[in-house]
Amino acid sequence: MAQRPLNCTHCNQPCTVFVTLVAGGKADTYGLCPTCPQLALLAPETTLPSLSLGLKLSVPTPAGRGRCPSCGFRWEDFERTQRIGCPTCYETHQAHLNPTLSRIQPGVQHIGRRPQPTLEEKKAQLEQFKSQLKSAVQSEDFEGAAGLRDQIARLESEFSALKS
């Protein structure tokens, strides 16, 4: 329990009324004298004592109660469904998600399948392989050139299959 002050918080007269405010796991006790004008403000039961005393209390948001700004998904929703709502949820719930993912799987980086490359990406890769093949032949790296030749043949066969 918090220590009671001996004198009024506002005017340093002897205290007769004590108000203890508990917020965020911390208790603060304020003392008021019988002549203090702040005591009259505490009488109405419609206001909070902290507002009457002119105190601004910061009440922390409980952990995990935040919502994703994009989809409104809460951490409690993940615990219930075992699914994430949207890509922004990974950033919003990162504090809870990383320990959970590390318990479920070997790491937190995605190393699985990815989308197939587009036609333009394949054409760029083919051109890159052809230029690497020329430089490998010039430097007489015939083993590397053979591997590049096989990759070029594979890409060209994919292109011919697409045209058919």
Protein backbone atom coordinates (compact mmCIF):
# COMPACT_ATOMS: atom_id res chain seq x y z
CA MET A 1 0.00 0.00 0.00
CA ALA A 2 1.24 3.48 -0.84
CA GLN A 3 2.37 5.80 1.95
CA ARG A 4 -0.16 8.44 2.92
CA PRO A 5 1.14 11.99 2.65
CA LEU A 6 1.12 14.12 5.81
CA ASN A 7 0.28 17.38 4.06
CA CYS A 8 -2.23 18.35 1.34
CA THR A 9 -0.94 17.78 -2.16
CA HIS A 10 -2.10 21.26 -3.23
CA CYS A 11 -1.73 23.63 -0.25
CA ASN A 12 0.54 21.86 2.32
CA GLN A 13 -2.09 21.88 5.15
CA PRO A 14 -2.59 18.72 7.29
CA CYS A 15 -4.49 16.00 5.37
CA THR A 16 -7.88 14.54 6.31
CA VAL A 17 -8.96 13.01 2.98
CA PHE A 18 -6.85 10.52 1.04
CA VAL A 19 -7.40 9.41 -2.55
CA THR A 20 -5.51 6.41 -3.92
CA LEU A 21 -5.44 6.05 -7.68
CA VAL A 22 -4.33 2.75 -9.20
CA ALA A 23 -3.32 2.70 -12.87
CA GLY A 24 -0.97 0.44 -14.78
CA GLY A 25 -0.13 -1.60 -11.67
CA LYS A 26 1.06 1.50 -9.76
CA ALA A 27 -0.78 3.06 -6.80
CA ASP A 28 -0.43 6.79 -6.09
CA THR A 29 -1.95 8.31 -2.94
CA TYR A 30 -2.89 11.99 -2.79
CA GLY A 31 -3.83 13.88 0.37
CA LEU A 32 -6.33 16.74 0.68
CA CYS A 33 -7.08 19.12 3.56
CA PRO A 34 -10.66 20.03 4.64
CA THR A 35 -10.33 23.57 3.25
CA CYS A 36 -8.83 22.60 -0.09
CA PRO A 37 -10.91 23.59 -3.15
CA GLN A 38 -9.93 20.28 -4.81
CA LEU A 39 -11.98 18.41 -2.17
CA ALA A 40 -15.18 20.03 -3.43
CA LEU A 41 -14.44 18.71 -6.90
CA LEU A 42 -14.31 15.11 -5.62
CA ALA A 43 -17.92 15.20 -4.34
CA PRO A 44 -19.76 14.53 -7.63
CA GLU A 45 -19.81 10.82 -8.38
CA THR A 46 -20.01 11.53 -12.10
CA THR A 47 -16.31 12.36 -12.52
CA LEU A 48 -13.21 10.31 -12.00
CA PRO A 49 -11.03 11.34 -9.05
CA SER A 50 -8.00 11.67 -11.33
CA LEU A 51 -9.84 14.24 -13.46
CA SER A 52 -11.02 16.12 -10.38
CA LEU A 53 -7.47 16.32 -9.08
CA GLY A 54 -6.24 17.51 -12.46
CA LEU A 55 -4.05 14.45 -13.04
CA LYS A 56 -3.43 12.88 -16.41
CA LEU A 57 -3.10 9.13 -16.03
CA SER A 58 -1.67 6.96 -18.74
CA VAL A 59 -3.35 3.59 -18.74
CA PRO A 60 -1.40 1.11 -20.88
CA THR A 61 -3.19 -0.95 -23.48
CA PRO A 62 -3.12 -4.63 -22.54
CA ALA A 63 -0.63 -6.63 -24.60
CA GLY A 64 -2.03 -8.32 -27.68
CA ARG A 65 -5.13 -6.13 -27.83
CA GLY A 66 -3.95 -4.14 -30.84
CA ARG A 67 -5.73 -4.42 -34.14
CA CYS A 68 -4.13 -4.52 -37.55
CA PRO A 69 -4.61 -1.10 -39.18
CA SER A 70 -5.37 -2.71 -42.55
CA CYS A 71 -7.81 -5.51 -41.73
CA GLY A 72 -8.65 -5.12 -38.03
CA PHE A 73 -7.29 -8.57 -37.20
CA ARG A 74 -6.46 -9.11 -33.50
CA TRP A 75 -3.92 -11.46 -31.94
CA GLU A 76 -6.81 -13.28 -30.25
CA ASP A 77 -8.13 -14.03 -33.75
CA PHE A 78 -4.83 -15.70 -34.64
CA GLU A 79 -4.90 -17.77 -31.45
CA ARG A 80 -8.40 -18.94 -32.37
CA THR A 81 -7.92 -19.57 -36.12
CA GLN A 82 -4.13 -20.11 -36.41
CA ARG A 83 -4.16 -17.88 -39.51
CA ILE A 84 -2.98 -14.32 -40.15
CA GLY A 85 -5.38 -11.80 -41.68
CA CYS A 86 -3.19 -9.87 -44.14
CA PRO A 87 0.49 -9.01 -44.86
CA THR A 88 0.34 -5.98 -42.52
CA CYS A 89 -0.59 -8.31 -39.65
CA TYR A 90 2.96 -9.68 -39.74
CA GLU A 91 4.28 -6.23 -38.80
CA THR A 92 1.47 -5.36 -36.38
CA HIS A 93 1.67 -8.58 -34.36
CA GLN A 94 5.41 -9.17 -34.78
CA ALA A 95 6.11 -9.21 -31.02
CA HIS A 96 3.79 -12.20 -30.55
CA LEU A 97 4.21 -13.80 -33.96
CA ASN A 98 7.99 -14.33 -34.06
CA PRO A 99 8.17 -16.45 -30.87
CA THR A 100 5.13 -18.42 -32.00
CA LEU A 101 6.54 -19.09 -35.47
CA SER A 102 9.92 -20.12 -34.06
CA ARG A 103 8.17 -22.75 -31.91
CA ILE A 104 6.14 -24.07 -34.86
CA GLN A 105 8.77 -24.14 -37.61
CA PRO A 106 12.57 -24.11 -37.92
CA GLY A 107 12.84 -20.37 -38.62
CA VAL A 108 10.91 -17.17 -39.23
CA GLN A 109 12.16 -16.56 -42.81
CA HIS A 110 10.03 -17.94 -45.63
CA ILE A 111 12.04 -20.35 -47.79
CA GLY A 112 9.25 -22.21 -49.53
CA ARG A 113 7.82 -22.02 -53.02
CA ARG A 114 7.58 -18.75 -54.85
CA PRO A 115 5.57 -17.59 -57.87
CA GLN A 116 6.76 -18.73 -61.29
CA PRO A 117 8.88 -16.20 -63.18
CA THR A 118 7.14 -14.15 -65.85
CA LEU A 119 7.87 -14.48 -69.58
CA GLU A 120 9.94 -11.27 -69.50
CA GLU A 121 12.01 -12.58 -66.58
CA LYS A 122 12.67 -15.82 -68.47
CA LYS A 123 13.73 -13.90 -71.59
CA ALA A 124 16.09 -11.76 -69.51
CA GLN A 125 17.52 -14.90 -67.91
CA LEU A 126 18.02 -16.46 -71.36
CA GLU A 127 19.94 -13.39 -72.56
CA GLN A 128 22.03 -13.43 -69.38
CA PHE A 129 22.88 -17.13 -69.89
CA LYS A 130 23.89 -16.45 -73.53
CA SER A 131 26.26 -13.65 -72.51
CA GLN A 132 27.71 -15.82 -69.72
CA LEU A 133 28.16 -18.63 -72.28
CA LYS A 134 30.17 -16.33 -74.58
CA SER A 135 32.43 -15.21 -71.75
CA ALA A 136 32.86 -18.83 -70.53
CA VAL A 137 33.93 -19.95 -74.05
CA GLN A 138 36.36 -17.01 -74.35
CA SER A 139 37.92 -17.85 -70.97
CA GLU A 140 37.99 -21.55 -71.97
CA ASP A 141 35.75 -22.64 -69.07
CA PHE A 142 34.19 -25.50 -71.04
CA GLU A 143 32.54 -27.22 -68.07
CA GLY A 144 30.73 -24.02 -67.09
CA ALA A 145 29.86 -23.43 -70.74
CA ALA A 146 28.31 -26.91 -70.98
CA GLY A 147 26.08 -26.20 -67.97
CA LEU A 148 25.02 -22.86 -69.44
CA ARG A 149 24.35 -24.53 -72.81
CA ASP A 150 22.01 -27.01 -71.10
CA GLN A 151 20.15 -24.22 -69.26
CA ILE A 152 19.78 -22.25 -72.52
CA ALA A 153 18.41 -25.35 -74.26
CA ARG A 154 15.91 -25.90 -71.42
CA LEU A 155 14.67 -22.29 -71.56
CA GLU A 156 14.41 -22.34 -75.36
CA SER A 157 12.40 -25.57 -75.24
CA GLU A 158 10.03 -23.90 -72.74
CA PHE A 159 9.61 -20.97 -75.15
CA SER A 160 8.89 -23.28 -78.09
CA ALA A 161 6.33 -25.20 -75.98
CA LEU A 162 4.59 -21.90 -75.12
CA LYS A 163 4.42 -20.88 -78.80
CA SER A 164 2.85 -24.20 -79.83
